[in-house]
Amino acid sequence: MMRNQDRNPVFKAVDARMSWTCDDPKSLEDRGLRPRESRAFATPQPDVARTWPPRHRYGMPLLARLVPPAVNSYRMNLFSPAKAP
């Protein structure tokens, strides 16, 4: 997925580019990051969704209902710095 993100029209519609993956976002807490929000590509933040072409904005939620594992397995995670002890 990472190598092909520029070929996928949905990913091309988003300015941000993925540069690494993490199977368990909570595992990054020991590196000073706290997971704040996790969303599937079918349910992006409203500000992000508004930038997508209509066919992607409405098509992704439909695909999420038709083939949930295929769509919901790709997630975007937002992190905050972990609070100092």
N, C-alpha and C. Protein backbone atom coordinates (compact mmCIF):
# COMPACT_ATOMS: atom_id res chain seq x y z
N MET A 1 0.82 -1.18 0.00
CA MET A 1 0.00 0.00 0.00
C MET A 1 0.87 1.26 0.00
N MET A 2 1.93 1.25 0.79
CA MET A 2 2.79 2.44 0.87
C MET A 2 3.42 2.77 -0.48
N ARG A 3 3.89 1.74 -1.17
CA ARG A 3 4.55 1.97 -2.46
C ARG A 3 3.57 2.42 -3.54
N ASN A 4 2.30 2.05 -3.40
CA ASN A 4 1.32 2.34 -4.45
C ASN A 4 0.41 3.51 -4.13
N GLN A 5 0.67 4.24 -3.08
CA GLN A 5 -0.26 5.30 -2.69
C GLN A 5 -0.41 6.39 -3.76
N ASP A 6 0.61 6.63 -4.57
CA ASP A 6 0.48 7.64 -5.61
C ASP A 6 -0.29 7.14 -6.83
N ARG A 7 -0.53 5.86 -6.91
CA ARG A 7 -1.32 5.30 -8.02
C ARG A 7 -2.80 5.21 -7.67
N ASN A 8 -3.11 5.19 -6.38
CA ASN A 8 -4.49 5.03 -5.93
C ASN A 8 -5.18 6.40 -5.93
N PRO A 9 -6.29 6.56 -6.66
CA PRO A 9 -6.95 7.87 -6.75
C PRO A 9 -7.40 8.41 -5.40
N VAL A 10 -7.78 7.54 -4.47
CA VAL A 10 -8.21 8.02 -3.16
C VAL A 10 -7.03 8.63 -2.42
N PHE A 11 -5.90 7.94 -2.42
CA PHE A 11 -4.72 8.45 -1.73
C PHE A 11 -4.15 9.68 -2.44
N LYS A 12 -4.26 9.72 -3.76
CA LYS A 12 -3.77 10.88 -4.51
C LYS A 12 -4.55 12.14 -4.15
N ALA A 13 -5.80 11.97 -3.75
CA ALA A 13 -6.64 13.12 -3.41
C ALA A 13 -6.25 13.76 -2.07
N VAL A 14 -5.45 13.07 -1.29
CA VAL A 14 -5.01 13.58 0.01
C VAL A 14 -3.58 14.09 -0.14
N ASP A 15 -3.33 15.31 0.32
CA ASP A 15 -1.99 15.90 0.19
C ASP A 15 -0.93 15.17 1.02
N ALA A 16 -1.31 14.67 2.18
CA ALA A 16 -0.35 14.00 3.05
C ALA A 16 0.05 12.65 2.44
N ARG A 17 1.28 12.26 2.68
CA ARG A 17 1.79 10.97 2.20
C ARG A 17 2.22 10.13 3.39
N MET A 18 1.91 8.85 3.33
CA MET A 18 2.30 7.93 4.39
C MET A 18 3.78 7.60 4.21
N SER A 19 4.51 7.57 5.31
CA SER A 19 5.92 7.28 5.21
C SER A 19 6.34 6.07 6.03
N TRP A 20 5.48 5.58 6.91
CA TRP A 20 5.80 4.39 7.68
C TRP A 20 4.50 3.78 8.20
N THR A 21 4.57 2.56 8.66
CA THR A 21 3.40 1.85 9.17
C THR A 21 3.66 1.39 10.60
N CYS A 22 2.57 1.09 11.29
CA CYS A 22 2.65 0.60 12.67
C CYS A 22 1.43 -0.28 12.91
N ASP A 23 1.65 -1.54 13.25
CA ASP A 23 0.53 -2.45 13.50
C ASP A 23 -0.22 -2.13 14.79
N ASP A 24 0.49 -1.60 15.78
CA ASP A 24 -0.13 -1.29 17.07
C ASP A 24 0.27 0.11 17.51
N PRO A 25 -0.56 1.12 17.23
CA PRO A 25 -0.20 2.50 17.58
C PRO A 25 0.13 2.69 19.06
N LYS A 26 -0.50 1.93 19.95
CA LYS A 26 -0.20 2.08 21.38
C LYS A 26 1.25 1.71 21.70
N SER A 27 1.88 0.92 20.83
CA SER A 27 3.27 0.53 21.08
C SER A 27 4.22 1.72 20.97
N LEU A 28 3.74 2.84 20.43
CA LEU A 28 4.59 4.03 20.29
C LEU A 28 4.59 4.92 21.53
N GLU A 29 3.77 4.57 22.53
CA GLU A 29 3.71 5.38 23.74
C GLU A 29 5.06 5.44 24.44
N ASP A 30 5.82 4.33 24.41
CA ASP A 30 7.13 4.34 25.07
C ASP A 30 8.14 5.20 24.31
N ARG A 31 7.77 5.69 23.13
CA ARG A 31 8.63 6.59 22.36
C ARG A 31 8.15 8.04 22.46
N GLY A 32 7.24 8.27 23.39
CA GLY A 32 6.78 9.64 23.62
C GLY A 32 5.58 10.07 22.80
N LEU A 33 4.87 9.13 22.20
CA LEU A 33 3.68 9.47 21.41
C LEU A 33 2.45 8.79 22.02
N ARG A 34 1.36 9.54 22.08
CA ARG A 34 0.11 8.99 22.61
C ARG A 34 -0.93 9.01 21.49
N PRO A 35 -1.50 7.84 21.15
CA PRO A 35 -2.54 7.83 20.12
C PRO A 35 -3.72 8.69 20.56
N ARG A 36 -4.12 9.62 19.70
CA ARG A 36 -5.22 10.52 20.02
C ARG A 36 -6.48 10.16 19.25
N GLU A 37 -6.29 9.74 18.00
CA GLU A 37 -7.44 9.41 17.17
C GLU A 37 -6.99 8.43 16.09
N SER A 38 -7.85 7.48 15.78
CA SER A 38 -7.56 6.52 14.72
C SER A 38 -8.80 6.40 13.84
N ARG A 39 -8.62 6.58 12.55
CA ARG A 39 -9.75 6.53 11.62
C ARG A 39 -9.40 5.68 10.42
N ALA A 40 -10.40 4.97 9.93
CA ALA A 40 -10.24 4.25 8.67
C ALA A 40 -10.32 5.26 7.54
N PHE A 41 -9.78 4.91 6.38
CA PHE A 41 -9.85 5.83 5.24
C PHE A 41 -11.29 6.13 4.84
N ALA A 42 -12.20 5.23 5.15
CA ALA A 42 -13.60 5.45 4.80
C ALA A 42 -14.26 6.48 5.70
N THR A 43 -13.63 6.79 6.83
CA THR A 43 -14.22 7.76 7.76
C THR A 43 -13.17 8.81 8.16
N PRO A 44 -12.67 9.58 7.20
CA PRO A 44 -11.66 10.59 7.54
C PRO A 44 -12.28 11.75 8.33
N GLN A 45 -11.43 12.58 8.88
CA GLN A 45 -11.90 13.78 9.54
C GLN A 45 -12.69 14.59 8.51
N PRO A 46 -13.74 15.29 8.95
CA PRO A 46 -14.57 16.06 8.00
C PRO A 46 -13.77 17.03 7.13
N ASP A 47 -12.76 17.70 7.71
CA ASP A 47 -11.96 18.64 6.92
C ASP A 47 -11.20 17.93 5.81
N VAL A 48 -10.76 16.70 6.07
CA VAL A 48 -10.06 15.91 5.05
C VAL A 48 -11.06 15.45 3.99
N ALA A 49 -12.20 14.93 4.42
CA ALA A 49 -13.21 14.42 3.49
C ALA A 49 -13.67 15.48 2.51
N ARG A 50 -13.77 16.72 2.97
CA ARG A 50 -14.22 17.80 2.07
C ARG A 50 -13.26 18.05 0.92
N THR A 51 -12.01 17.64 1.07
CA THR A 51 -11.03 17.86 -0.01
C THR A 51 -11.08 16.75 -1.06
N TRP A 52 -11.78 15.65 -0.76
CA TRP A 52 -11.84 14.52 -1.69
C TRP A 52 -12.86 14.77 -2.79
N PRO A 53 -12.63 14.25 -3.98
CA PRO A 53 -13.65 14.32 -5.03
C PRO A 53 -14.91 13.57 -4.56
N PRO A 54 -16.08 13.99 -5.00
CA PRO A 54 -17.32 13.36 -4.54
C PRO A 54 -17.34 11.83 -4.68
N ARG A 55 -16.80 11.30 -5.78
CA ARG A 55 -16.87 9.84 -5.94
C ARG A 55 -16.10 9.11 -4.84
N HIS A 56 -15.05 9.71 -4.32
CA HIS A 56 -14.31 9.09 -3.22
C HIS A 56 -14.96 9.40 -1.88
N ARG A 57 -15.45 10.62 -1.74
CA ARG A 57 -16.08 11.03 -0.48
C ARG A 57 -17.28 10.15 -0.16
N TYR A 58 -18.05 9.78 -1.20
CA TYR A 58 -19.24 8.96 -0.98
C TYR A 58 -18.97 7.48 -1.25
N GLY A 59 -18.01 7.20 -2.10
CA GLY A 59 -17.71 5.81 -2.44
C GLY A 59 -17.01 5.04 -1.33
N MET A 60 -16.11 5.70 -0.60
CA MET A 60 -15.39 5.00 0.47
C MET A 60 -16.31 4.49 1.57
N PRO A 61 -17.26 5.31 2.07
CA PRO A 61 -18.18 4.76 3.07
C PRO A 61 -19.01 3.60 2.53
N LEU A 62 -19.38 3.66 1.26
CA LEU A 62 -20.13 2.56 0.66
C LEU A 62 -19.27 1.30 0.61
N LEU A 63 -18.02 1.43 0.17
CA LEU A 63 -17.12 0.28 0.15
C LEU A 63 -16.90 -0.28 1.55
N ALA A 64 -16.85 0.60 2.55
CA ALA A 64 -16.65 0.14 3.93
C ALA A 64 -17.80 -0.74 4.39
N ARG A 65 -18.99 -0.47 3.87
CA ARG A 65 -20.14 -1.33 4.23
C ARG A 65 -20.14 -2.62 3.43
N LEU A 66 -19.67 -2.57 2.19
CA LEU A 66 -19.69 -3.76 1.33
C LEU A 66 -18.54 -4.72 1.62
N VAL A 67 -17.35 -4.19 1.83
CA VAL A 67 -16.16 -5.01 2.10
C VAL A 67 -15.38 -4.40 3.28
N PRO A 68 -15.95 -4.46 4.48
CA PRO A 68 -15.33 -3.79 5.63
C PRO A 68 -13.86 -4.15 5.88
N PRO A 69 -13.46 -5.44 5.83
CA PRO A 69 -12.06 -5.72 6.14
C PRO A 69 -11.09 -5.05 5.16
N ALA A 70 -11.45 -4.98 3.91
CA ALA A 70 -10.55 -4.41 2.90
C ALA A 70 -10.37 -2.91 3.10
N VAL A 71 -11.41 -2.23 3.53
CA VAL A 71 -11.35 -0.78 3.67
C VAL A 71 -10.91 -0.36 5.07
N ASN A 72 -11.42 -1.02 6.08
CA ASN A 72 -11.16 -0.59 7.45
C ASN A 72 -9.81 -1.04 8.00
N SER A 73 -9.10 -1.88 7.28
CA SER A 73 -7.79 -2.31 7.77
C SER A 73 -6.73 -1.23 7.58
N TYR A 74 -6.97 -0.26 6.71
CA TYR A 74 -6.04 0.85 6.52
C TYR A 74 -6.51 2.02 7.36
N ARG A 75 -5.68 2.42 8.30
CA ARG A 75 -6.08 3.46 9.23
C ARG A 75 -5.09 4.62 9.24
N MET A 76 -5.61 5.80 9.56
CA MET A 76 -4.80 6.98 9.78
C MET A 76 -4.82 7.26 11.27
N ASN A 77 -3.68 7.43 11.86
CA ASN A 77 -3.58 7.66 13.30
C ASN A 77 -3.02 9.04 13.58
N LEU A 78 -3.63 9.72 14.52
CA LEU A 78 -3.18 11.03 14.95
C LEU A 78 -2.60 10.87 16.35
N PHE A 79 -1.40 11.41 16.55
CA PHE A 79 -0.72 11.26 17.83
C PHE A 79 -0.51 12.62 18.48
N SER A 80 -0.40 12.60 19.80
CA SER A 80 -0.01 13.75 20.61
C SER A 80 1.25 13.36 21.37
N PRO A 81 2.05 14.34 21.74
CA PRO A 81 3.19 13.99 22.60
C PRO A 81 2.66 13.40 23.91
N ALA A 82 3.30 12.35 24.39
CA ALA A 82 2.91 11.75 25.66
C ALA A 82 3.26 12.72 26.78
N LYS A 83 2.44 12.71 27.81
CA LYS A 83 2.69 13.61 28.94
C LYS A 83 3.87 13.08 29.75
N ALA A 84 4.65 13.99 30.24
CA ALA A 84 5.81 13.61 31.06
C ALA A 84 5.31 12.99 32.36
N PRO A 85 6.05 12.01 32.90
CA PRO A 85 5.62 11.36 34.15
C PRO A 85 5.62 12.31 35.32
